[in-house]
Amino acid sequence: MSHTPFAGLVPAVLTPFTPNGDLSLSGVEPLARKLVADGVCAVFAGGTTGEFASLTTDERIALAARWSDVLKGTAVRLVVHVGANSLHDARALAAHAQGLGAAAIAAVAPSYFKPKSLDVLIEWCAQLASAAPGTPFYFYDIPVLTGVALPMVEFLERAPARVPTLAGVKFTNPDLMTLQRLLRAGGFDVLYGMDEQLLAALVLGANGAVGSGYNFAAPLYNRLIAAVRANDLATARDLQYRGVQLVEVLARYGYLSAAKELLRSKGIDLGPVRLPNTDLTADARAALRRELGALGA
């Protein structure tokens, strides 16, 4: 199975909802147009930023299909997140993504009944990935949310025997020592998942990055990548700090609802978030816009 690693930005896309909270498939296209114009290399649909845990399996299938449709004819590839607590649901999502011709699938570990060992995690990944035997598979390591913190270097060493489609890891983890070891594991694509540390990851050798900030700040991060390639680290550091300031502001208001408000300020209305995430009050929206304006965001 041939697979071209992802080089550049891969936005973990937000999921659009109608004002009453239903899935809004019509909201995908405006965001897709923006991201194509921003020069991203792929999108990561139905992940953490996409509130996958608050979607039904049918909604996730419909969402992946819509992203596939709107990206046809563009240079932007599609990665579908298929992780779920139910292995049956995850396999159904994986098979559907393969049918769409997705460039890759990715999955977090189950997080209610957690795999207690690397052996169990590898077996779970093997059964999931076997439902899409022609599609590259990425394990999505995000221990801060799943509570599953197993050794990823050893995972890459041992998993290929059971997961022949394993292409790499989406590493949403601040452990830069482990990132360096993963980047040297040989033959695997390591996608870094923390926007606020992208500069460090690039300097250490990462080529691809998945992140929520690339929904609205891809031009800033593309300039950061260009500065690193030009060995202009002073500019790269300044750009990275702007990204840090942006994350700090959004996190203070509630990251997902604030991110949607930022896009709304740019003319892309993706609707509300779903409980247990909460929307901003009118006063909070006004205050957020003032802070974003002060940052030039």
Protein backbone atom coordinates (compact mmCIF):
# COMPACT_ATOMS: atom_id res chain seq x y z
CA MET A 1 0.00 0.00 0.00
CA SER A 2 1.55 3.29 -1.09
CA HIS A 3 1.04 6.37 1.03
CA THR A 4 2.41 9.90 0.71
CA PRO A 5 3.08 11.42 4.15
CA PHE A 6 1.33 14.67 5.00
CA ALA A 7 3.62 17.68 4.71
CA GLY A 8 2.20 20.94 5.97
CA LEU A 9 -0.93 21.90 7.86
CA VAL A 10 -3.88 19.59 8.48
CA PRO A 11 -6.72 21.49 10.18
CA ALA A 12 -8.71 19.45 12.69
CA VAL A 13 -11.96 20.87 11.40
CA LEU A 14 -14.85 22.15 13.47
CA THR A 15 -18.25 20.57 12.91
CA PRO A 16 -21.07 22.89 11.80
CA PHE A 17 -24.45 22.75 13.53
CA THR A 18 -27.74 24.53 12.92
CA PRO A 19 -28.96 27.00 15.57
CA ASN A 20 -31.04 24.23 17.17
CA GLY A 21 -28.04 21.89 17.35
CA ASP A 22 -28.63 19.59 14.38
CA LEU A 23 -25.75 18.65 12.09
CA SER A 24 -25.43 21.24 9.31
CA LEU A 25 -23.85 19.60 6.26
CA SER A 26 -24.30 22.83 4.29
CA GLY A 27 -21.87 24.48 6.69
CA VAL A 28 -18.97 22.31 5.51
CA GLU A 29 -18.49 23.99 2.14
CA PRO A 30 -17.70 27.56 3.32
CA LEU A 31 -15.04 26.26 5.70
CA ALA A 32 -13.64 23.98 3.01
CA ARG A 33 -13.35 26.90 0.57
CA LYS A 34 -11.42 28.91 3.15
CA LEU A 35 -9.03 26.05 3.95
CA VAL A 36 -8.34 25.30 0.29
CA ALA A 37 -7.56 28.99 -0.25
CA ASP A 38 -5.32 28.95 2.85
CA GLY A 39 -3.16 26.23 1.28
CA VAL A 40 -3.60 23.42 3.79
CA CYS A 41 -2.54 19.95 2.67
CA ALA A 42 -5.42 17.95 4.17
CA VAL A 43 -8.29 18.15 6.65
CA PHE A 44 -8.85 15.96 9.71
CA ALA A 45 -12.61 15.47 9.97
CA GLY A 46 -14.62 14.22 12.91
CA GLY A 47 -11.89 14.49 15.53
CA THR A 48 -11.70 16.15 18.93
CA THR A 49 -12.17 19.64 17.50
CA GLY A 50 -15.07 18.23 15.48
CA GLU A 51 -16.82 17.12 18.70
CA PHE A 52 -16.89 13.49 17.51
CA ALA A 53 -17.87 12.20 20.96
CA SER A 54 -21.06 14.28 20.77
CA LEU A 55 -22.05 12.96 17.32
CA THR A 56 -23.99 9.82 16.46
CA THR A 57 -22.36 7.26 14.19
CA ASP A 58 -24.82 8.16 11.41
CA GLU A 59 -23.89 11.83 11.78
CA ARG A 60 -20.19 11.00 11.59
CA ILE A 61 -20.77 8.99 8.41
CA ALA A 62 -22.74 11.86 6.86
CA LEU A 63 -20.10 14.39 7.90
CA ALA A 64 -17.24 12.38 6.38
CA ALA A 65 -19.20 11.95 3.15
CA ARG A 66 -19.83 15.69 2.90
CA TRP A 67 -16.15 16.52 3.44
CA SER A 68 -15.25 13.98 0.77
CA ASP A 69 -17.68 15.58 -1.67
CA VAL A 70 -16.56 19.18 -1.15
CA LEU A 71 -12.86 18.34 -1.39
CA LYS A 72 -13.19 16.52 -4.71
CA GLY A 73 -11.19 18.26 -7.43
CA THR A 74 -8.94 20.07 -4.93
CA ALA A 75 -5.40 19.30 -3.80
CA VAL A 76 -6.59 18.92 -0.19
CA ARG A 77 -6.73 15.33 1.08
CA LEU A 78 -9.16 13.91 3.62
CA VAL A 79 -8.30 12.15 6.88
CA VAL A 80 -11.31 10.72 8.69
CA HIS A 81 -11.22 10.16 12.41
CA VAL A 82 -12.95 6.85 13.15
CA GLY A 83 -12.15 6.29 16.82
CA ALA A 84 -15.02 5.30 19.13
CA ASN A 85 -15.61 3.51 22.40
CA SER A 86 -17.51 0.87 20.42
CA LEU A 87 -15.16 -1.17 18.22
CA HIS A 88 -18.16 -2.12 16.07
CA ASP A 89 -18.90 1.56 15.38
CA ALA A 90 -15.21 2.31 14.74
CA ARG A 91 -15.00 -0.50 12.18
CA ALA A 92 -18.15 0.75 10.44
CA LEU A 93 -16.69 4.27 10.26
CA ALA A 94 -13.39 2.92 8.92
CA ALA A 95 -15.07 0.86 6.21
CA HIS A 96 -17.15 3.86 5.18
CA ALA A 97 -14.07 6.12 5.02
CA GLN A 98 -12.33 3.60 2.77
CA GLY A 99 -15.39 3.58 0.52
CA LEU A 100 -15.11 7.35 0.23
CA GLY A 101 -11.49 7.04 -0.87
CA ALA A 102 -10.15 8.88 2.19
CA ALA A 103 -6.39 9.41 2.16
CA ALA A 104 -6.15 8.00 5.67
CA ILE A 105 -8.07 7.12 8.80
CA ALA A 106 -7.10 7.83 12.39
CA ALA A 107 -8.41 6.70 15.76
CA VAL A 108 -8.05 7.59 19.42
CA ALA A 109 -7.97 4.79 21.97
CA PRO A 110 -11.26 3.83 23.59
CA SER A 111 -11.51 5.93 26.71
CA TYR A 112 -14.31 4.50 28.86
CA PHE A 113 -13.08 0.92 29.06
CA LYS A 114 -9.43 1.74 28.55
CA PRO A 115 -6.84 -0.67 27.07
CA LYS A 116 -4.66 -1.61 30.01
CA SER A 117 -1.61 -2.66 28.01
CA LEU A 118 0.10 -2.13 24.70
CA ASP A 119 -0.93 -5.63 23.63
CA VAL A 120 -4.60 -4.77 24.11
CA LEU A 121 -4.26 -1.43 22.31
CA ILE A 122 -2.51 -3.07 19.36
CA GLU A 123 -5.20 -5.76 19.10
CA TRP A 124 -7.92 -3.09 19.19
CA CYS A 125 -6.15 -1.13 16.43
CA ALA A 126 -5.68 -4.31 14.40
CA GLN A 127 -9.37 -5.17 14.47
CA LEU A 128 -10.34 -1.58 13.65
CA ALA A 129 -7.85 -1.12 10.79
CA SER A 130 -8.76 -4.49 9.23
CA ALA A 131 -12.14 -2.99 8.32
CA ALA A 132 -10.29 -0.63 5.93
CA PRO A 133 -7.44 -2.82 4.62
CA GLY A 134 -6.60 -0.48 1.75
CA THR A 135 -6.42 2.74 3.78
CA PRO A 136 -3.44 4.05 5.78
CA PHE A 137 -4.09 4.04 9.53
CA TYR A 138 -2.81 6.53 12.13
CA PHE A 139 -3.06 6.01 15.85
CA TYR A 140 -4.15 9.27 17.50
CA ASP A 141 -2.31 9.67 20.79
CA ILE A 142 -3.99 12.24 23.04
CA PRO A 143 -3.58 11.00 26.61
CA VAL A 144 -4.77 14.23 28.22
CA LEU A 145 -8.30 13.43 26.96
CA THR A 146 -8.39 9.63 26.67
CA GLY A 147 -6.44 8.84 29.83
CA VAL A 148 -4.55 6.23 27.80
CA ALA A 149 -0.81 6.85 28.09
CA LEU A 150 1.05 3.91 26.56
CA PRO A 151 4.57 4.00 25.07
CA MET A 152 4.26 5.20 21.49
CA VAL A 153 7.80 4.31 20.44
CA GLU A 154 7.19 0.70 21.41
CA PHE A 155 3.79 0.89 19.70
CA LEU A 156 5.49 1.74 16.39
CA GLU A 157 7.96 -1.08 16.91
CA ARG A 158 5.37 -3.75 17.65
CA ALA A 159 2.10 -2.74 15.98
CA PRO A 160 3.04 -3.26 12.29
CA ALA A 161 3.03 -7.04 12.76
CA ARG A 162 -0.70 -6.82 13.56
CA VAL A 163 -1.60 -3.57 11.75
CA PRO A 164 -0.05 -3.75 8.28
CA THR A 165 -1.73 -0.48 7.25
CA LEU A 166 -0.11 1.49 10.10
CA ALA A 167 1.24 4.73 8.59
CA GLY A 168 2.12 6.64 11.72
CA VAL A 169 0.92 8.54 14.75
CA LYS A 170 -0.97 11.77 15.33
CA PHE A 171 0.93 12.87 18.41
CA THR A 172 -1.04 15.36 20.51
CA ASN A 173 1.34 15.29 23.40
CA PRO A 174 3.78 17.89 24.81
CA ASP A 175 6.49 15.23 25.31
CA LEU A 176 9.13 16.51 22.89
CA MET A 177 11.64 13.84 23.92
CA THR A 178 9.26 11.12 22.79
CA LEU A 179 8.48 13.12 19.64
CA GLN A 180 12.18 12.97 18.70
CA ARG A 181 12.23 9.21 19.20
CA LEU A 182 9.09 8.78 17.10
CA LEU A 183 10.57 10.87 14.30
CA ARG A 184 13.53 8.50 14.27
CA ALA A 185 11.51 5.30 14.47
CA GLY A 186 11.90 4.89 10.70
CA GLY A 187 9.30 4.70 7.97
CA PHE A 188 6.43 6.32 9.90
CA ASP A 189 4.65 9.64 9.49
CA VAL A 190 4.45 11.59 12.75
CA LEU A 191 1.89 14.39 12.71
CA TYR A 192 2.32 16.84 15.55
CA GLY A 193 -0.90 17.88 17.25
CA MET A 194 -0.14 20.94 19.37
CA ASP A 195 -0.36 24.26 17.51
CA GLU A 196 1.26 26.15 20.38
CA GLN A 197 4.45 24.06 20.04
CA LEU A 198 4.63 23.72 16.27
CA LEU A 199 7.94 25.60 16.00
CA ALA A 200 9.63 23.15 18.37
CA ALA A 201 8.25 20.19 16.42
CA LEU A 202 9.44 21.61 13.09
CA VAL A 203 12.93 22.27 14.40
CA LEU A 204 13.05 18.69 15.68
CA GLY A 205 12.14 17.36 12.24
CA ALA A 206 8.36 17.13 11.98
CA ASN A 207 6.89 17.82 8.54
CA GLY A 208 3.16 17.58 9.14
CA ALA A 209 0.88 19.01 11.82
CA VAL A 210 -2.77 18.48 12.75
CA GLY A 211 -4.40 21.19 14.82
CA SER A 212 -7.54 23.14 15.55
CA GLY A 213 -5.81 26.50 15.11
CA TYR A 214 -5.33 25.85 11.42
CA ASN A 215 -9.09 26.35 10.90
CA PHE A 216 -8.58 30.09 11.33
CA ALA A 217 -4.82 30.76 11.57
CA ALA A 218 -3.38 28.67 8.72
CA PRO A 219 -1.84 31.74 7.02
CA LEU A 220 0.08 32.58 10.21
CA TYR A 221 1.36 29.02 10.60
CA ASN A 222 2.24 28.74 6.91
CA ARG A 223 4.40 31.83 7.38
CA LEU A 224 5.96 30.16 10.41
CA ILE A 225 6.80 27.07 8.33
CA ALA A 226 8.27 29.25 5.60
CA ALA A 227 10.39 31.13 8.16
CA VAL A 228 11.79 27.85 9.53
CA ARG A 229 12.64 26.67 6.02
CA ALA A 230 14.42 29.98 5.40
CA ASN A 231 16.28 29.57 8.72
CA ASP A 232 14.70 32.81 9.93
CA LEU A 233 14.15 31.69 13.50
CA ALA A 234 13.57 35.20 14.85
CA THR A 235 10.51 35.56 12.63
CA ALA A 236 9.41 32.00 13.39
CA ARG A 237 9.58 32.64 17.13
CA ASP A 238 7.49 35.81 16.80
CA LEU A 239 4.86 33.98 14.76
CA GLN A 240 4.77 31.08 17.20
CA TYR A 241 4.23 33.47 20.09
CA ARG A 242 1.31 35.04 18.25
CA GLY A 243 -0.16 31.56 18.01
CA VAL A 244 0.38 31.06 21.74
CA GLN A 245 -1.39 34.33 22.52
CA LEU A 246 -4.31 33.29 20.34
CA VAL A 247 -4.63 29.90 22.08
CA GLU A 248 -4.49 31.59 25.49
CA VAL A 249 -7.36 33.92 24.61
CA LEU A 250 -9.55 31.19 23.10
CA ALA A 251 -8.94 28.80 26.00
CA ARG A 252 -9.94 31.44 28.52
CA TYR A 253 -13.39 31.75 26.93
CA GLY A 254 -13.90 28.03 26.20
CA TYR A 255 -11.83 26.91 23.25
CA LEU A 256 -14.35 25.36 20.85
CA SER A 257 -17.08 27.97 21.26
CA ALA A 258 -14.48 30.73 21.04
CA ALA A 259 -12.98 29.21 17.90
CA LYS A 260 -16.42 29.17 16.29
CA GLU A 261 -16.90 32.82 17.27
CA LEU A 262 -13.54 33.71 15.70
CA LEU A 263 -14.61 32.09 12.43
CA ARG A 264 -17.99 33.79 12.70
CA SER A 265 -16.15 37.11 12.86
CA LYS A 266 -14.58 36.15 9.53
CA GLY A 267 -17.95 35.43 7.93
CA ILE A 268 -18.07 31.65 8.46
CA ASP A 269 -20.90 30.72 10.82
CA LEU A 270 -20.64 27.12 12.00
CA GLY A 271 -23.39 27.46 14.56
CA PRO A 272 -23.22 26.49 18.23
CA VAL A 273 -21.32 23.76 20.06
CA ARG A 274 -23.06 20.76 21.59
CA LEU A 275 -23.41 20.02 25.27
CA PRO A 276 -21.44 19.32 27.39
CA ASN A 277 -19.53 22.10 25.58
CA THR A 278 -21.25 25.41 26.11
CA ASP A 279 -21.80 28.50 23.99
CA LEU A 280 -20.64 32.02 24.82
CA THR A 281 -22.98 34.60 26.25
CA ALA A 282 -23.53 37.80 24.28
CA ASP A 283 -21.25 39.68 26.69
CA ALA A 284 -18.52 37.04 26.34
CA ARG A 285 -18.76 37.15 22.55
CA ALA A 286 -18.30 40.92 22.58
CA ALA A 287 -15.36 40.71 24.98
CA LEU A 288 -13.73 37.94 22.95
CA ARG A 289 -14.02 39.96 19.76
CA ARG A 290 -12.36 42.91 21.46
CA GLU A 291 -9.44 40.73 22.58
CA LEU A 292 -9.12 39.12 19.16
CA GLY A 293 -9.14 42.54 17.56
CA ALA A 294 -6.31 43.64 19.83
CA LEU A 295 -4.31 40.62 18.64
CA GLY A 296 -5.12 41.33 15.01
CA ALA A 297 -6.78 37.92 14.71
